Amino acid sequence: MNTTRQQKIERLIQKELSTMFQQDTSHTHGLLVTVSKVRISPDFSIADVYLSVFPSDKAAETVQSANNNVKTIRYDFGQIVRHQLRIIPDFRFHIDDSLDYLEHIDQLLKK
């Protein structure tokens, strides 16, 4: 059960990381990265960030790249929210495959 403070920080992280990924992927044509969900630990030290990537065949590569560059992403994020957050959490990026799952269910129902 998330507290109100956790929910506010999760929304802030989602908004700012979405903006950062949007700016970074504007140079690569045909790649869309969306921050679909953020879950933060109760002590605000670790944030699990779920990325939805289109096209989905590049999802693993994109998430791996984000996990490899987590220090740079955390630093850039910290520069943006330095006056809003006391603790900048460590990010762990994961693939959000809920859209692929919904598409698979839809295909099964059409049969």
N, C-alpha and C. Protein backbone atom coordinates (compact mmCIF):
# COMPACT_ATOMS: atom_id res chain seq x y z
N MET A 1 0.84 -1.17 0.00
CA MET A 1 0.00 0.00 0.00
C MET A 1 0.88 1.24 0.00
N ASN A 2 0.75 2.05 -1.02
CA ASN A 2 1.56 3.25 -1.13
C ASN A 2 0.95 4.40 -0.35
N THR A 3 1.82 5.17 0.28
CA THR A 3 1.35 6.36 0.97
C THR A 3 1.14 7.48 -0.05
N THR A 4 0.51 8.53 0.38
CA THR A 4 0.28 9.67 -0.50
C THR A 4 1.60 10.27 -0.96
N ARG A 5 2.57 10.33 -0.08
CA ARG A 5 3.89 10.87 -0.44
C ARG A 5 4.55 10.00 -1.51
N GLN A 6 4.48 8.69 -1.36
CA GLN A 6 5.05 7.79 -2.37
C GLN A 6 4.37 8.01 -3.71
N GLN A 7 3.06 8.15 -3.71
CA GLN A 7 2.34 8.35 -4.96
C GLN A 7 2.73 9.66 -5.64
N LYS A 8 2.92 10.72 -4.86
CA LYS A 8 3.34 12.00 -5.43
C LYS A 8 4.73 11.90 -6.05
N ILE A 9 5.64 11.23 -5.37
CA ILE A 9 7.00 11.08 -5.88
C ILE A 9 7.01 10.19 -7.11
N GLU A 10 6.19 9.13 -7.11
CA GLU A 10 6.10 8.27 -8.29
C GLU A 10 5.61 9.04 -9.50
N ARG A 11 4.62 9.91 -9.31
CA ARG A 11 4.12 10.72 -10.43
C ARG A 11 5.17 11.71 -10.91
N LEU A 12 5.91 12.31 -9.98
CA LEU A 12 6.98 13.24 -10.35
C LEU A 12 8.06 12.53 -11.16
N ILE A 13 8.48 11.36 -10.69
CA ILE A 13 9.50 10.59 -11.40
C ILE A 13 9.00 10.21 -12.78
N GLN A 14 7.76 9.75 -12.87
CA GLN A 14 7.20 9.34 -14.16
C GLN A 14 7.16 10.52 -15.13
N LYS A 15 6.73 11.67 -14.65
CA LYS A 15 6.63 12.85 -15.52
C LYS A 15 8.00 13.30 -16.03
N GLU A 16 8.95 13.41 -15.13
CA GLU A 16 10.27 13.93 -15.50
C GLU A 16 11.06 12.93 -16.35
N LEU A 17 10.98 11.65 -16.01
CA LEU A 17 11.69 10.66 -16.83
C LEU A 17 11.06 10.55 -18.22
N SER A 18 9.74 10.68 -18.29
CA SER A 18 9.07 10.67 -19.60
C SER A 18 9.58 11.80 -20.48
N THR A 19 9.71 12.97 -19.89
CA THR A 19 10.23 14.12 -20.64
C THR A 19 11.66 13.88 -21.09
N MET A 20 12.47 13.31 -20.20
CA MET A 20 13.87 13.04 -20.54
C MET A 20 13.97 12.02 -21.68
N PHE A 21 13.20 10.93 -21.60
CA PHE A 21 13.23 9.92 -22.65
C PHE A 21 12.68 10.45 -23.96
N GLN A 22 11.68 11.31 -23.88
CA GLN A 22 11.11 11.89 -25.09
C GLN A 22 12.16 12.75 -25.80
N GLN A 23 12.91 13.53 -25.04
CA GLN A 23 13.95 14.37 -25.65
C GLN A 23 15.08 13.51 -26.21
N ASP A 24 15.45 12.44 -25.51
CA ASP A 24 16.54 11.58 -25.97
C ASP A 24 16.16 10.79 -27.21
N THR A 25 14.92 10.34 -27.30
CA THR A 25 14.51 9.52 -28.45
C THR A 25 14.00 10.35 -29.61
N SER A 26 13.98 11.66 -29.47
CA SER A 26 13.55 12.49 -30.60
C SER A 26 14.56 12.42 -31.75
N HIS A 27 15.80 12.05 -31.44
CA HIS A 27 16.84 11.95 -32.46
C HIS A 27 16.77 10.62 -33.20
N THR A 28 16.17 9.61 -32.59
CA THR A 28 16.06 8.30 -33.24
C THR A 28 14.65 8.16 -33.80
N HIS A 29 14.56 8.07 -35.09
CA HIS A 29 13.26 7.98 -35.74
C HIS A 29 12.71 6.56 -35.63
N GLY A 30 11.42 6.47 -35.34
CA GLY A 30 10.76 5.18 -35.27
C GLY A 30 10.86 4.49 -33.93
N LEU A 31 11.34 5.17 -32.90
CA LEU A 31 11.44 4.59 -31.56
C LEU A 31 10.66 5.46 -30.59
N LEU A 32 9.74 4.85 -29.87
CA LEU A 32 8.92 5.57 -28.89
C LEU A 32 9.08 4.89 -27.54
N VAL A 33 9.53 5.63 -26.55
CA VAL A 33 9.72 5.10 -25.20
C VAL A 33 8.79 5.86 -24.26
N THR A 34 8.00 5.10 -23.50
CA THR A 34 7.05 5.68 -22.57
C THR A 34 7.29 5.09 -21.19
N VAL A 35 7.28 5.95 -20.17
CA VAL A 35 7.36 5.47 -18.79
C VAL A 35 5.94 5.16 -18.36
N SER A 36 5.62 3.87 -18.28
CA SER A 36 4.24 3.49 -18.01
C SER A 36 3.91 3.40 -16.52
N LYS A 37 4.90 3.05 -15.70
CA LYS A 37 4.62 2.89 -14.28
C LYS A 37 5.90 3.07 -13.49
N VAL A 38 5.79 3.64 -12.30
CA VAL A 38 6.93 3.79 -11.39
C VAL A 38 6.48 3.31 -10.02
N ARG A 39 7.30 2.49 -9.41
CA ARG A 39 7.05 2.04 -8.04
C ARG A 39 8.29 2.36 -7.23
N ILE A 40 8.09 3.08 -6.12
CA ILE A 40 9.22 3.50 -5.29
C ILE A 40 9.16 2.77 -3.95
N SER A 41 10.33 2.46 -3.41
CA SER A 41 10.39 1.75 -2.14
C SER A 41 9.95 2.69 -1.01
N PRO A 42 9.53 2.14 0.12
CA PRO A 42 9.06 2.98 1.23
C PRO A 42 10.10 3.96 1.77
N ASP A 43 11.39 3.65 1.61
CA ASP A 43 12.42 4.58 2.07
C ASP A 43 12.91 5.51 0.97
N PHE A 44 12.25 5.47 -0.19
CA PHE A 44 12.53 6.35 -1.33
C PHE A 44 13.93 6.19 -1.91
N SER A 45 14.56 5.03 -1.71
CA SER A 45 15.92 4.85 -2.20
C SER A 45 15.98 4.13 -3.54
N ILE A 46 14.96 3.34 -3.88
CA ILE A 46 14.96 2.58 -5.12
C ILE A 46 13.64 2.80 -5.84
N ALA A 47 13.73 3.11 -7.13
CA ALA A 47 12.54 3.28 -7.95
C ALA A 47 12.58 2.27 -9.09
N ASP A 48 11.56 1.44 -9.16
CA ASP A 48 11.41 0.51 -10.28
C ASP A 48 10.61 1.22 -11.36
N VAL A 49 11.24 1.41 -12.52
CA VAL A 49 10.64 2.16 -13.62
C VAL A 49 10.33 1.18 -14.74
N TYR A 50 9.07 1.17 -15.17
CA TYR A 50 8.63 0.26 -16.23
C TYR A 50 8.50 1.06 -17.53
N LEU A 51 9.24 0.61 -18.55
CA LEU A 51 9.27 1.29 -19.83
C LEU A 51 8.49 0.50 -20.86
N SER A 52 7.64 1.20 -21.59
CA SER A 52 6.94 0.62 -22.72
C SER A 52 7.62 1.15 -23.98
N VAL A 53 8.08 0.24 -24.82
CA VAL A 53 8.88 0.61 -25.99
C VAL A 53 8.14 0.17 -27.25
N PHE A 54 8.04 1.08 -28.21
CA PHE A 54 7.47 0.77 -29.52
C PHE A 54 8.51 1.07 -30.58
N PRO A 55 8.85 0.18 -31.44
CA PRO A 55 8.38 -1.19 -31.63
C PRO A 55 8.93 -2.10 -30.55
N SER A 56 8.15 -3.11 -30.21
CA SER A 56 8.47 -3.97 -29.07
C SER A 56 9.70 -4.84 -29.29
N ASP A 57 10.14 -5.02 -30.53
CA ASP A 57 11.33 -5.83 -30.76
C ASP A 57 12.60 -5.12 -30.29
N LYS A 58 12.54 -3.82 -30.05
CA LYS A 58 13.70 -3.07 -29.55
C LYS A 58 13.61 -2.83 -28.04
N ALA A 59 12.62 -3.45 -27.38
CA ALA A 59 12.40 -3.19 -25.96
C ALA A 59 13.56 -3.66 -25.10
N ALA A 60 14.02 -4.88 -25.32
CA ALA A 60 15.11 -5.42 -24.49
C ALA A 60 16.38 -4.60 -24.66
N GLU A 61 16.67 -4.21 -25.88
CA GLU A 61 17.86 -3.41 -26.15
C GLU A 61 17.77 -2.04 -25.49
N THR A 62 16.60 -1.42 -25.55
CA THR A 62 16.40 -0.09 -24.97
C THR A 62 16.50 -0.13 -23.45
N VAL A 63 15.87 -1.12 -22.82
CA VAL A 63 15.91 -1.23 -21.36
C VAL A 63 17.33 -1.57 -20.90
N GLN A 64 18.02 -2.41 -21.63
CA GLN A 64 19.41 -2.74 -21.29
C GLN A 64 20.29 -1.49 -21.38
N SER A 65 20.06 -0.69 -22.41
CA SER A 65 20.82 0.56 -22.55
C SER A 65 20.52 1.51 -21.39
N ALA A 66 19.26 1.59 -20.99
CA ALA A 66 18.89 2.46 -19.87
C ALA A 66 19.54 1.96 -18.58
N ASN A 67 19.57 0.66 -18.36
CA ASN A 67 20.21 0.11 -17.16
C ASN A 67 21.72 0.30 -17.19
N ASN A 68 22.32 0.28 -18.37
CA ASN A 68 23.76 0.52 -18.48
C ASN A 68 24.11 1.99 -18.21
N ASN A 69 23.19 2.89 -18.53
CA ASN A 69 23.43 4.33 -18.36
C ASN A 69 22.68 4.89 -17.16
N VAL A 70 22.41 4.07 -16.16
CA VAL A 70 21.58 4.50 -15.04
C VAL A 70 22.22 5.64 -14.24
N LYS A 71 23.54 5.66 -14.15
CA LYS A 71 24.20 6.74 -13.40
C LYS A 71 24.00 8.09 -14.09
N THR A 72 24.12 8.12 -15.40
CA THR A 72 23.92 9.36 -16.15
C THR A 72 22.46 9.81 -16.06
N ILE A 73 21.54 8.87 -16.19
CA ILE A 73 20.11 9.20 -16.11
C ILE A 73 19.78 9.73 -14.72
N ARG A 74 20.33 9.11 -13.68
CA ARG A 74 20.08 9.55 -12.31
C ARG A 74 20.65 10.95 -12.08
N TYR A 75 21.84 11.22 -12.61
CA TYR A 75 22.44 12.54 -12.46
C TYR A 75 21.60 13.60 -13.16
N ASP A 76 21.20 13.34 -14.41
CA ASP A 76 20.38 14.30 -15.15
C ASP A 76 19.04 14.53 -14.46
N PHE A 77 18.44 13.45 -13.95
CA PHE A 77 17.18 13.56 -13.22
C PHE A 77 17.37 14.40 -11.95
N GLY A 78 18.48 14.16 -11.25
CA GLY A 78 18.78 14.92 -10.04
C GLY A 78 18.95 16.40 -10.30
N GLN A 79 19.52 16.76 -11.45
CA GLN A 79 19.67 18.17 -11.79
C GLN A 79 18.32 18.84 -12.02
N ILE A 80 17.36 18.08 -12.53
CA ILE A 80 16.03 18.64 -12.82
C ILE A 80 15.22 18.82 -11.53
N VAL A 81 15.27 17.84 -10.63
CA VAL A 81 14.40 17.86 -9.44
C VAL A 81 15.16 18.14 -8.15
N ARG A 82 16.31 18.77 -8.24
CA ARG A 82 17.14 18.96 -7.05
C ARG A 82 16.47 19.81 -5.97
N HIS A 83 15.52 20.65 -6.34
CA HIS A 83 14.83 21.47 -5.34
C HIS A 83 13.54 20.83 -4.86
N GLN A 84 13.16 19.70 -5.44
CA GLN A 84 11.90 19.05 -5.07
C GLN A 84 12.09 17.79 -4.25
N LEU A 85 13.21 17.09 -4.46
CA LEU A 85 13.46 15.84 -3.74
C LEU A 85 14.75 15.94 -2.94
N ARG A 86 14.71 15.41 -1.74
CA ARG A 86 15.91 15.37 -0.91
C ARG A 86 16.78 14.18 -1.30
N ILE A 87 16.15 13.04 -1.58
CA ILE A 87 16.87 11.83 -1.96
C ILE A 87 16.53 11.50 -3.41
N ILE A 88 17.55 11.36 -4.23
CA ILE A 88 17.35 10.94 -5.62
C ILE A 88 17.48 9.42 -5.62
N PRO A 89 16.41 8.71 -5.98
CA PRO A 89 16.45 7.24 -5.89
C PRO A 89 17.32 6.61 -6.97
N ASP A 90 17.76 5.40 -6.70
CA ASP A 90 18.42 4.59 -7.71
C ASP A 90 17.34 4.02 -8.61
N PHE A 91 17.58 4.03 -9.91
CA PHE A 91 16.59 3.54 -10.85
C PHE A 91 16.91 2.12 -11.29
N ARG A 92 15.87 1.31 -11.39
CA ARG A 92 15.97 -0.01 -11.99
C ARG A 92 14.91 -0.05 -13.09
N PHE A 93 15.36 -0.22 -14.31
CA PHE A 93 14.45 -0.18 -15.45
C PHE A 93 14.01 -1.59 -15.81
N HIS A 94 12.71 -1.71 -16.14
CA HIS A 94 12.12 -2.99 -16.51
C HIS A 94 11.27 -2.80 -17.77
N ILE A 95 11.05 -3.89 -18.49
CA ILE A 95 10.18 -3.84 -19.67
C ILE A 95 8.73 -3.96 -19.22
N ASP A 96 7.89 -3.06 -19.70
CA ASP A 96 6.45 -3.17 -19.46
C ASP A 96 5.85 -3.78 -20.72
N ASP A 97 5.48 -5.04 -20.62
CA ASP A 97 4.95 -5.74 -21.78
C ASP A 97 3.43 -5.91 -21.70
N SER A 98 2.77 -5.04 -20.97
CA SER A 98 1.32 -5.16 -20.82
C SER A 98 0.59 -4.94 -22.14
N LEU A 99 1.09 -4.07 -23.01
CA LEU A 99 0.45 -3.86 -24.31
C LEU A 99 0.57 -5.09 -25.19
N ASP A 100 1.72 -5.75 -25.16
CA ASP A 100 1.89 -6.99 -25.92
C ASP A 100 0.96 -8.07 -25.39
N TYR A 101 0.81 -8.12 -24.07
CA TYR A 101 -0.08 -9.10 -23.46
C TYR A 101 -1.53 -8.84 -23.86
N LEU A 102 -1.95 -7.57 -23.85
CA LEU A 102 -3.31 -7.22 -24.26
C LEU A 102 -3.56 -7.58 -25.72
N GLU A 103 -2.56 -7.33 -26.57
CA GLU A 103 -2.69 -7.67 -27.98
C GLU A 103 -2.82 -9.18 -28.18
N HIS A 104 -2.05 -9.93 -27.40
CA HIS A 104 -2.12 -11.39 -27.49
C HIS A 104 -3.50 -11.90 -27.05
N ILE A 105 -4.03 -11.35 -25.97
CA ILE A 105 -5.37 -11.74 -25.50
C ILE A 105 -6.42 -11.38 -26.55
N ASP A 106 -6.29 -10.20 -27.14
CA ASP A 106 -7.24 -9.78 -28.18
C ASP A 106 -7.21 -10.73 -29.37
N GLN A 107 -6.02 -11.17 -29.79
CA GLN A 107 -5.92 -12.13 -30.89
C GLN A 107 -6.54 -13.47 -30.54
N LEU A 108 -6.37 -13.90 -29.29
CA LEU A 108 -6.97 -15.16 -28.87
C LEU A 108 -8.50 -15.08 -28.85
N LEU A 109 -9.03 -13.93 -28.48
CA LEU A 109 -10.48 -13.77 -28.43
C LEU A 109 -11.10 -13.68 -29.82
N LYS A 110 -10.33 -13.23 -30.80
CA LYS A 110 -10.84 -13.12 -32.17
C LYS A 110 -10.91 -14.46 -32.87
N LYS A 111 -10.22 -15.46 -32.36
CA LYS A 111 -10.21 -16.78 -33.02
C LYS A 111 -11.51 -17.50 -32.81
